[in-house]
Amino acid sequence: MLPARHRMRRSAEFARTIREGIRSAGRYLVVHAARIADPTPAEPARVGFVVSKAVGGAVERNKVQRRLRAAIDPTCLDEGFLLVVRARPAAARASFTELQQELERLYGRVRGRVAEEGVRR
């Protein structure tokens, strides 16, 4: 379960992360990442999930969202990160292991690119 302090709740954070963040896509997921605008020291990373009706009915969407929440390990996320994980329709047919592996791979990609961009600015 994802602790409350690691959950993204404000729509403005979702919008900013998707609009201004770095994106990486895979077969099942799209991951958007950005740095928190003015992070306080030791600001925890926050994660939000987007599972649209394109994924399936309510039962399928909830199952995918539960799997994604379980696949995220907040202790492995960098402090001061905003992360939005968007499920693609194929995610409904993916196993937990496939979702977890793709999430780790995509997070690794965006993590490196956000770090590079932070150095250039």
C-alpha atoms as a PDB file:
ATOM      1  CA  MET A   1       0.000   0.000   0.000  1.00  0.00           C
ATOM      2  CA  LEU A   2       1.222   3.476  -0.874  1.00  0.00           C
ATOM      3  CA  PRO A   3       1.512   5.654   2.267  1.00  0.00           C
ATOM      4  CA  ALA A   4      -0.626   8.813   2.298  1.00  0.00           C
ATOM      5  CA  ARG A   5       2.371  11.176   2.236  1.00  0.00           C
ATOM      6  CA  HIS A   6       3.457   9.629  -1.084  1.00  0.00           C
ATOM      7  CA  ARG A   7       0.081  10.074  -2.821  1.00  0.00           C
ATOM      8  CA  MET A   8      -0.519  12.877  -5.277  1.00  0.00           C
ATOM      9  CA  ARG A   9      -3.902  14.467  -4.609  1.00  0.00           C
ATOM     10  CA  ARG A  10      -4.088  17.889  -6.254  1.00  0.00           C
ATOM     11  CA  SER A  11      -5.207  18.127  -9.870  1.00  0.00           C
ATOM     12  CA  ALA A  12      -2.724  20.977 -10.372  1.00  0.00           C
ATOM     13  CA  GLU A  13       0.137  18.592  -9.551  1.00  0.00           C
ATOM     14  CA  PHE A  14      -1.195  16.016 -12.021  1.00  0.00           C
ATOM     15  CA  ALA A  15      -1.577  18.683 -14.728  1.00  0.00           C
ATOM     16  CA  ARG A  16       1.875  20.196 -14.141  1.00  0.00           C
ATOM     17  CA  THR A  17       3.595  16.809 -14.138  1.00  0.00           C
ATOM     18  CA  ILE A  18       1.906  15.697 -17.351  1.00  0.00           C
ATOM     19  CA  ARG A  19       2.335  19.047 -19.104  1.00  0.00           C
ATOM     20  CA  GLU A  20       5.889  19.980 -18.066  1.00  0.00           C
ATOM     21  CA  GLY A  21       7.421  16.677 -17.031  1.00  0.00           C
ATOM     22  CA  ILE A  22       9.513  14.110 -18.836  1.00  0.00           C
ATOM     23  CA  ARG A  23       7.553  11.233 -20.382  1.00  0.00           C
ATOM     24  CA  SER A  24       8.454   7.652 -21.150  1.00  0.00           C
ATOM     25  CA  ALA A  25       6.051   5.125 -22.657  1.00  0.00           C
ATOM     26  CA  GLY A  26       5.899   1.371 -22.758  1.00  0.00           C
ATOM     27  CA  ARG A  27       3.440  -1.288 -23.841  1.00  0.00           C
ATOM     28  CA  TYR A  28       1.291  -1.073 -20.695  1.00  0.00           C
ATOM     29  CA  LEU A  29       2.152   2.254 -19.074  1.00  0.00           C
ATOM     30  CA  VAL A  30       3.163   5.848 -19.655  1.00  0.00           C
ATOM     31  CA  VAL A  31       5.199   7.475 -16.874  1.00  0.00           C
ATOM     32  CA  HIS A  32       5.467  11.255 -16.455  1.00  0.00           C
ATOM     33  CA  ALA A  33       7.975  12.709 -13.979  1.00  0.00           C
ATOM     34  CA  ALA A  34       8.929  16.181 -12.794  1.00  0.00           C
ATOM     35  CA  ARG A  35      10.652  17.779  -9.852  1.00  0.00           C
ATOM     36  CA  ILE A  36       8.570  19.470  -7.159  1.00  0.00           C
ATOM     37  CA  ALA A  37       8.676  23.226  -7.836  1.00  0.00           C
ATOM     38  CA  ASP A  38       9.932  24.388  -4.423  1.00  0.00           C
ATOM     39  CA  PRO A  39      10.822  21.262  -2.447  1.00  0.00           C
ATOM     40  CA  THR A  40      11.346  21.535   1.256  1.00  0.00           C
ATOM     41  CA  PRO A  41      14.213  19.492   2.667  1.00  0.00           C
ATOM     42  CA  ALA A  42      13.437  15.775   2.508  1.00  0.00           C
ATOM     43  CA  GLU A  43      10.189  16.320   0.565  1.00  0.00           C
ATOM     44  CA  PRO A  44       8.908  12.804  -0.200  1.00  0.00           C
ATOM     45  CA  ALA A  45       8.178  11.745  -3.747  1.00  0.00           C
ATOM     46  CA  ARG A  46       4.495  11.757  -4.645  1.00  0.00           C
ATOM     47  CA  VAL A  47       2.825   9.377  -7.076  1.00  0.00           C
ATOM     48  CA  GLY A  48      -0.496   9.635  -8.883  1.00  0.00           C
ATOM     49  CA  PHE A  49      -2.277   7.112 -11.073  1.00  0.00           C
ATOM     50  CA  VAL A  50      -4.494   7.652 -14.115  1.00  0.00           C
ATOM     51  CA  VAL A  51      -6.559   4.650 -15.203  1.00  0.00           C
ATOM     52  CA  SER A  52      -9.162   5.739 -17.744  1.00  0.00           C
ATOM     53  CA  LYS A  53     -12.285   3.984 -18.987  1.00  0.00           C
ATOM     54  CA  ALA A  54     -10.287   2.879 -22.030  1.00  0.00           C
ATOM     55  CA  VAL A  55      -8.681   0.273 -19.746  1.00  0.00           C
ATOM     56  CA  GLY A  56     -12.044  -1.364 -19.057  1.00  0.00           C
ATOM     57  CA  GLY A  57     -14.950  -1.348 -16.675  1.00  0.00           C
ATOM     58  CA  ALA A  58     -14.741  -0.328 -13.038  1.00  0.00           C
ATOM     59  CA  VAL A  59     -13.600  -3.769 -11.885  1.00  0.00           C
ATOM     60  CA  GLU A  60     -10.723  -3.850 -14.394  1.00  0.00           C
ATOM     61  CA  ARG A  61      -9.689  -0.253 -13.666  1.00  0.00           C
ATOM     62  CA  ASN A  62      -9.642  -0.849  -9.921  1.00  0.00           C
ATOM     63  CA  LYS A  63      -7.631  -4.054 -10.362  1.00  0.00           C
ATOM     64  CA  VAL A  64      -5.026  -2.274 -12.494  1.00  0.00           C
ATOM     65  CA  GLN A  65      -4.825   0.621 -10.039  1.00  0.00           C
ATOM     66  CA  ARG A  66      -4.389  -1.749  -7.061  1.00  0.00           C
ATOM     67  CA  ARG A  67      -1.620  -3.590  -8.897  1.00  0.00           C
ATOM     68  CA  LEU A  68       0.167  -0.346  -9.735  1.00  0.00           C
ATOM     69  CA  ARG A  69      -0.055   0.895  -6.141  1.00  0.00           C
ATOM     70  CA  ALA A  70       1.391  -2.401  -4.942  1.00  0.00           C
ATOM     71  CA  ALA A  71       4.166  -2.302  -7.566  1.00  0.00           C
ATOM     72  CA  ILE A  72       5.445   1.104  -6.413  1.00  0.00           C
ATOM     73  CA  ASP A  73       8.036   1.071  -3.638  1.00  0.00           C
ATOM     74  CA  PRO A  74       8.069   4.645  -2.303  1.00  0.00           C
ATOM     75  CA  THR A  75      11.381   4.084  -0.514  1.00  0.00           C
ATOM     76  CA  CYS A  76      13.069   3.629  -3.921  1.00  0.00           C
ATOM     77  CA  LEU A  77      11.764   6.922  -5.343  1.00  0.00           C
ATOM     78  CA  ASP A  78      13.952  10.035  -5.324  1.00  0.00           C
ATOM     79  CA  GLU A  79      12.954  12.782  -2.907  1.00  0.00           C
ATOM     80  CA  GLY A  80      11.263  15.776  -4.506  1.00  0.00           C
ATOM     81  CA  PHE A  81       9.781  13.838  -7.462  1.00  0.00           C
ATOM     82  CA  LEU A  82       6.267  14.019  -8.835  1.00  0.00           C
ATOM     83  CA  LEU A  83       5.369  10.873 -10.743  1.00  0.00           C
ATOM     84  CA  VAL A  84       2.182  10.203 -12.732  1.00  0.00           C
ATOM     85  CA  VAL A  85       1.635   6.648 -13.952  1.00  0.00           C
ATOM     86  CA  ARG A  86      -0.933   6.400 -16.737  1.00  0.00           C
ATOM     87  CA  ALA A  87      -2.262   2.950 -17.648  1.00  0.00           C
ATOM     88  CA  ARG A  88      -2.811   2.026 -21.275  1.00  0.00           C
ATOM     89  CA  PRO A  89      -5.669  -0.306 -22.309  1.00  0.00           C
ATOM     90  CA  ALA A  90      -3.251  -3.267 -22.575  1.00  0.00           C
ATOM     91  CA  ALA A  91      -2.542  -2.958 -18.836  1.00  0.00           C
ATOM     92  CA  ALA A  92      -5.815  -4.765 -18.095  1.00  0.00           C
ATOM     93  CA  ARG A  93      -4.384  -7.947 -19.648  1.00  0.00           C
ATOM     94  CA  ALA A  94      -0.914  -7.635 -18.091  1.00  0.00           C
ATOM     95  CA  SER A  95       0.204  -9.663 -15.091  1.00  0.00           C
ATOM     96  CA  PHE A  96       1.423  -8.012 -11.906  1.00  0.00           C
ATOM     97  CA  THR A  97       5.015  -8.957 -12.742  1.00  0.00           C
ATOM     98  CA  GLU A  98       4.785  -7.404 -16.216  1.00  0.00           C
ATOM     99  CA  LEU A  99       3.376  -4.164 -14.786  1.00  0.00           C
ATOM    100  CA  GLN A 100       6.020  -4.055 -12.063  1.00  0.00           C
ATOM    101  CA  GLN A 101       8.910  -4.658 -14.480  1.00  0.00           C
ATOM    102  CA  GLU A 102       7.670  -2.051 -16.943  1.00  0.00           C
ATOM    103  CA  LEU A 103       7.108   0.474 -14.164  1.00  0.00           C
ATOM    104  CA  GLU A 104      10.667  -0.012 -12.875  1.00  0.00           C
ATOM    105  CA  ARG A 105      12.115   0.273 -16.387  1.00  0.00           C
ATOM    106  CA  LEU A 106      10.163   3.427 -17.259  1.00  0.00           C
ATOM    107  CA  TYR A 107      10.913   5.066 -13.902  1.00  0.00           C
ATOM    108  CA  GLY A 108      14.614   4.424 -14.479  1.00  0.00           C
ATOM    109  CA  ARG A 109      14.392   6.180 -17.847  1.00  0.00           C
ATOM    110  CA  VAL A 110      12.555   9.282 -16.625  1.00  0.00           C
ATOM    111  CA  ARG A 111      14.644   9.483 -13.464  1.00  0.00           C
ATOM    112  CA  GLY A 112      17.835   9.829 -15.479  1.00  0.00           C
ATOM    113  CA  ARG A 113      16.321  12.335 -17.893  1.00  0.00           C
ATOM    114  CA  VAL A 114      14.893  14.525 -15.114  1.00  0.00           C
ATOM    115  CA  ALA A 115      18.305  14.521 -13.392  1.00  0.00           C
ATOM    116  CA  GLU A 116      20.017  15.572 -16.671  1.00  0.00           C
ATOM    117  CA  GLU A 117      17.498  18.335 -17.261  1.00  0.00           C
ATOM    118  CA  GLY A 118      17.973  19.644 -13.735  1.00  0.00           C
ATOM    119  CA  VAL A 119      21.713  20.019 -14.375  1.00  0.00           C
ATOM    120  CA  ARG A 120      21.189  21.899 -17.662  1.00  0.00           C
ATOM    121  CA  ARG A 121      18.888  24.550 -16.144  1.00  0.00           C
END
